[in-house]
C-alpha cells in the first residue's frame, strides 16, 4: 500500500481525502465541485513545492506559510470539518496524520 512508501505521497492522499469529505458533505456531490477541485489542485501544487519535502511537519506547525491568505482560510475550514471524520473513513491516513503532527518543525530557511 502506498501509504507506507512515501511521506509526500501520504500527504497528497490525506489532503485529497479531506477535500473530498468536505465537498461531499458541504456541496452534496459525489465528485469534487470546481471550487474544491481548484483548492485540491492548489494544495497539491503547494505540497510539491514544499521546501521541507519528506521532513515536512504538519501544516499547523510549519514555520513557512505557503498558502495565499484566502486559500489558507479555505483549507483550514476543510481540515476543521474533515479532520474529525477521517478516523471513520480513512483510519490509516488519520493515524499517520496524527503521528506526523508530533513531528517537530525544522527551522525555517533564511
C-alpha atoms as a PDB file:
ATOM      1  CA  UNK A   1       0.000   0.000   0.000  1.00  0.00           C
ATOM      2  CA  UNK A   2       1.414   3.404  -0.942  1.00  0.00           C
ATOM      3  CA  UNK A   3       0.593   4.856   2.479  1.00  0.00           C
ATOM      4  CA  UNK A   4       3.752   3.238   3.827  1.00  0.00           C
ATOM      5  CA  UNK A   5       6.070   4.216   0.973  1.00  0.00           C
ATOM      6  CA  UNK A   6       6.401   7.969   0.877  1.00  0.00           C
ATOM      7  CA  UNK A   7       5.640  10.776   3.287  1.00  0.00           C
ATOM      8  CA  UNK A   8       4.739  13.140   0.445  1.00  0.00           C
ATOM      9  CA  UNK A   9       2.520  10.575  -1.298  1.00  0.00           C
ATOM     10  CA  UNK A  10       0.701  10.098   2.010  1.00  0.00           C
ATOM     11  CA  UNK A  11       0.308  13.875   2.383  1.00  0.00           C
ATOM     12  CA  UNK A  12      -1.189  14.084  -1.117  1.00  0.00           C
ATOM     13  CA  UNK A  13      -3.646  11.279  -0.334  1.00  0.00           C
ATOM     14  CA  UNK A  14      -4.582  12.850   3.003  1.00  0.00           C
ATOM     15  CA  UNK A  15      -5.310  16.333   1.655  1.00  0.00           C
ATOM     16  CA  UNK A  16      -7.227  14.880  -1.304  1.00  0.00           C
ATOM     17  CA  UNK A  17      -9.309  12.715   1.045  1.00  0.00           C
ATOM     18  CA  UNK A  18     -10.029  15.672   3.353  1.00  0.00           C
ATOM     19  CA  UNK A  19     -11.179  17.861   0.479  1.00  0.00           C
ATOM     20  CA  UNK A  20     -13.335  15.031  -0.902  1.00  0.00           C
ATOM     21  CA  UNK A  21     -15.030  14.533   2.504  1.00  0.00           C
ATOM     22  CA  UNK A  22     -15.660  18.255   2.819  1.00  0.00           C
ATOM     23  CA  UNK A  23     -17.006  18.679  -0.701  1.00  0.00           C
ATOM     24  CA  UNK A  24     -19.218  15.612  -0.495  1.00  0.00           C
ATOM     25  CA  UNK A  25     -20.900  16.935   2.649  1.00  0.00           C
ATOM     26  CA  UNK A  26     -20.944  20.681   2.019  1.00  0.00           C
ATOM     27  CA  UNK A  27     -21.754  20.604  -1.682  1.00  0.00           C
ATOM     28  CA  UNK A  28     -23.698  17.300  -1.796  1.00  0.00           C
ATOM     29  CA  UNK A  29     -21.781  15.994  -4.767  1.00  0.00           C
ATOM     30  CA  UNK A  30     -20.054  12.612  -5.176  1.00  0.00           C
ATOM     31  CA  UNK A  31     -17.473  14.307  -7.448  1.00  0.00           C
ATOM     32  CA  UNK A  32     -15.433  17.347  -6.487  1.00  0.00           C
ATOM     33  CA  UNK A  33     -17.112  20.618  -7.427  1.00  0.00           C
ATOM     34  CA  UNK A  34     -14.994  23.089  -9.466  1.00  0.00           C
ATOM     35  CA  UNK A  35     -14.117  25.189  -6.378  1.00  0.00           C
ATOM     36  CA  UNK A  36     -12.962  22.175  -4.375  1.00  0.00           C
ATOM     37  CA  UNK A  37     -11.089  20.778  -7.374  1.00  0.00           C
ATOM     38  CA  UNK A  38      -9.260  24.104  -7.683  1.00  0.00           C
ATOM     39  CA  UNK A  39      -8.443  24.040  -3.949  1.00  0.00           C
ATOM     40  CA  UNK A  40      -7.168  20.459  -4.190  1.00  0.00           C
ATOM     41  CA  UNK A  41      -5.005  21.281  -7.202  1.00  0.00           C
ATOM     42  CA  UNK A  42      -3.592  24.313  -5.377  1.00  0.00           C
ATOM     43  CA  UNK A  43      -2.880  22.275  -2.221  1.00  0.00           C
ATOM     44  CA  UNK A  44      -1.133  19.553  -4.235  1.00  0.00           C
ATOM     45  CA  UNK A  45       0.942  22.181  -6.032  1.00  0.00           C
ATOM     46  CA  UNK A  46       1.972  23.711  -2.701  1.00  0.00           C
ATOM     47  CA  UNK A  47       2.947  20.257  -1.384  1.00  0.00           C
ATOM     48  CA  UNK A  48       5.069  19.646  -4.447  1.00  0.00           C
ATOM     49  CA  UNK A  49       6.918  22.924  -3.822  1.00  0.00           C
ATOM     50  CA  UNK A  50       7.290  22.407  -0.062  1.00  0.00           C
ATOM     51  CA  UNK A  51      10.855  23.278   0.977  1.00  0.00           C
ATOM     52  CA  UNK A  52      10.861  20.534   3.638  1.00  0.00           C
ATOM     53  CA  UNK A  53       9.550  17.632   1.480  1.00  0.00           C
ATOM     54  CA  UNK A  54       9.849  14.341   3.435  1.00  0.00           C
ATOM     55  CA  UNK A  55      10.803  16.266   6.620  1.00  0.00           C
ATOM     56  CA  UNK A  56       7.606  18.320   6.349  1.00  0.00           C
ATOM     57  CA  UNK A  57       5.774  18.903   9.639  1.00  0.00           C
ATOM     58  CA  UNK A  58       2.008  19.193   9.887  1.00  0.00           C
ATOM     59  CA  UNK A  59       0.859  22.459   8.310  1.00  0.00           C
ATOM     60  CA  UNK A  60      -0.212  23.835  11.687  1.00  0.00           C
ATOM     61  CA  UNK A  61       3.376  23.547  12.958  1.00  0.00           C
ATOM     62  CA  UNK A  62       5.127  24.663   9.793  1.00  0.00           C
ATOM     63  CA  UNK A  63       7.248  27.825  10.021  1.00  0.00           C
ATOM     64  CA  UNK A  64       6.588  28.590   6.341  1.00  0.00           C
ATOM     65  CA  UNK A  65       3.105  29.699   5.302  1.00  0.00           C
ATOM     66  CA  UNK A  66       2.961  28.719   1.664  1.00  0.00           C
ATOM     67  CA  UNK A  67      -0.775  29.239   1.061  1.00  0.00           C
ATOM     68  CA  UNK A  68      -2.243  32.552  -0.047  1.00  0.00           C
ATOM     69  CA  UNK A  69      -4.286  34.013   2.865  1.00  0.00           C
ATOM     70  CA  UNK A  70      -7.725  33.411   1.298  1.00  0.00           C
ATOM     71  CA  UNK A  71      -6.853  29.838   0.359  1.00  0.00           C
ATOM     72  CA  UNK A  72      -5.309  29.255   3.784  1.00  0.00           C
ATOM     73  CA  UNK A  73      -8.693  30.100   5.327  1.00  0.00           C
ATOM     74  CA  UNK A  74     -10.445  27.708   2.941  1.00  0.00           C
ATOM     75  CA  UNK A  75      -8.071  24.838   3.674  1.00  0.00           C
ATOM     76  CA  UNK A  76      -8.450  25.452   7.417  1.00  0.00           C
ATOM     77  CA  UNK A  77     -12.228  25.124   7.043  1.00  0.00           C
ATOM     78  CA  UNK A  78     -11.742  21.867   5.133  1.00  0.00           C
ATOM     79  CA  UNK A  79      -9.386  20.492   7.785  1.00  0.00           C
ATOM     80  CA  UNK A  80     -11.667  21.531  10.652  1.00  0.00           C
ATOM     81  CA  UNK A  81     -14.558  19.677   9.048  1.00  0.00           C
ATOM     82  CA  UNK A  82     -12.733  16.641   7.680  1.00  0.00           C
ATOM     83  CA  UNK A  83     -10.148  16.089  10.412  1.00  0.00           C
ATOM     84  CA  UNK A  84     -12.510  14.574  13.000  1.00  0.00           C
ATOM     85  CA  UNK A  85     -14.209  12.446  10.314  1.00  0.00           C
ATOM     86  CA  UNK A  86     -11.007  10.983   8.893  1.00  0.00           C
ATOM     87  CA  UNK A  87     -10.753   8.249  11.545  1.00  0.00           C
ATOM     88  CA  UNK A  88     -14.005   6.631  10.472  1.00  0.00           C
ATOM     89  CA  UNK A  89     -13.483   6.964   6.710  1.00  0.00           C
ATOM     90  CA  UNK A  90      -9.694   6.730   6.305  1.00  0.00           C
ATOM     91  CA  UNK A  91      -8.312   5.292   9.549  1.00  0.00           C
ATOM     92  CA  UNK A  92      -4.754   4.612   8.318  1.00  0.00           C
ATOM     93  CA  UNK A  93      -4.378   8.080   6.835  1.00  0.00           C
ATOM     94  CA  UNK A  94      -5.786   9.574  10.030  1.00  0.00           C
ATOM     95  CA  UNK A  95      -3.362   7.665  12.269  1.00  0.00           C
ATOM     96  CA  UNK A  96      -0.370   8.613  10.133  1.00  0.00           C
ATOM     97  CA  UNK A  97      -1.534  12.228  10.043  1.00  0.00           C
ATOM     98  CA  UNK A  98      -1.840  12.310  13.836  1.00  0.00           C
ATOM     99  CA  UNK A  99       1.625  10.790  14.142  1.00  0.00           C
ATOM    100  CA  UNK A 100       3.014  13.351  11.693  1.00  0.00           C
ATOM    101  CA  UNK A 101       1.567  16.155  13.837  1.00  0.00           C
ATOM    102  CA  UNK A 102       4.008  15.103  16.552  1.00  0.00           C
ATOM    103  CA  UNK A 103       6.988  15.924  14.319  1.00  0.00           C
ATOM    104  CA  UNK A 104       8.983  18.954  15.267  1.00  0.00           C
ATOM    105  CA  UNK A 105       9.100  21.655  12.630  1.00  0.00           C
ATOM    106  CA  UNK A 106      12.500  22.076  11.035  1.00  0.00           C
ATOM    107  CA  UNK A 107      13.993  25.558  11.295  1.00  0.00           C
ATOM    108  CA  UNK A 108      12.860  27.936   8.556  1.00  0.00           C
ATOM    109  CA  UNK A 109      15.458  28.576   5.903  1.00  0.00           C
ATOM    110  CA  UNK A 110      16.680  32.160   5.904  1.00  0.00           C
END
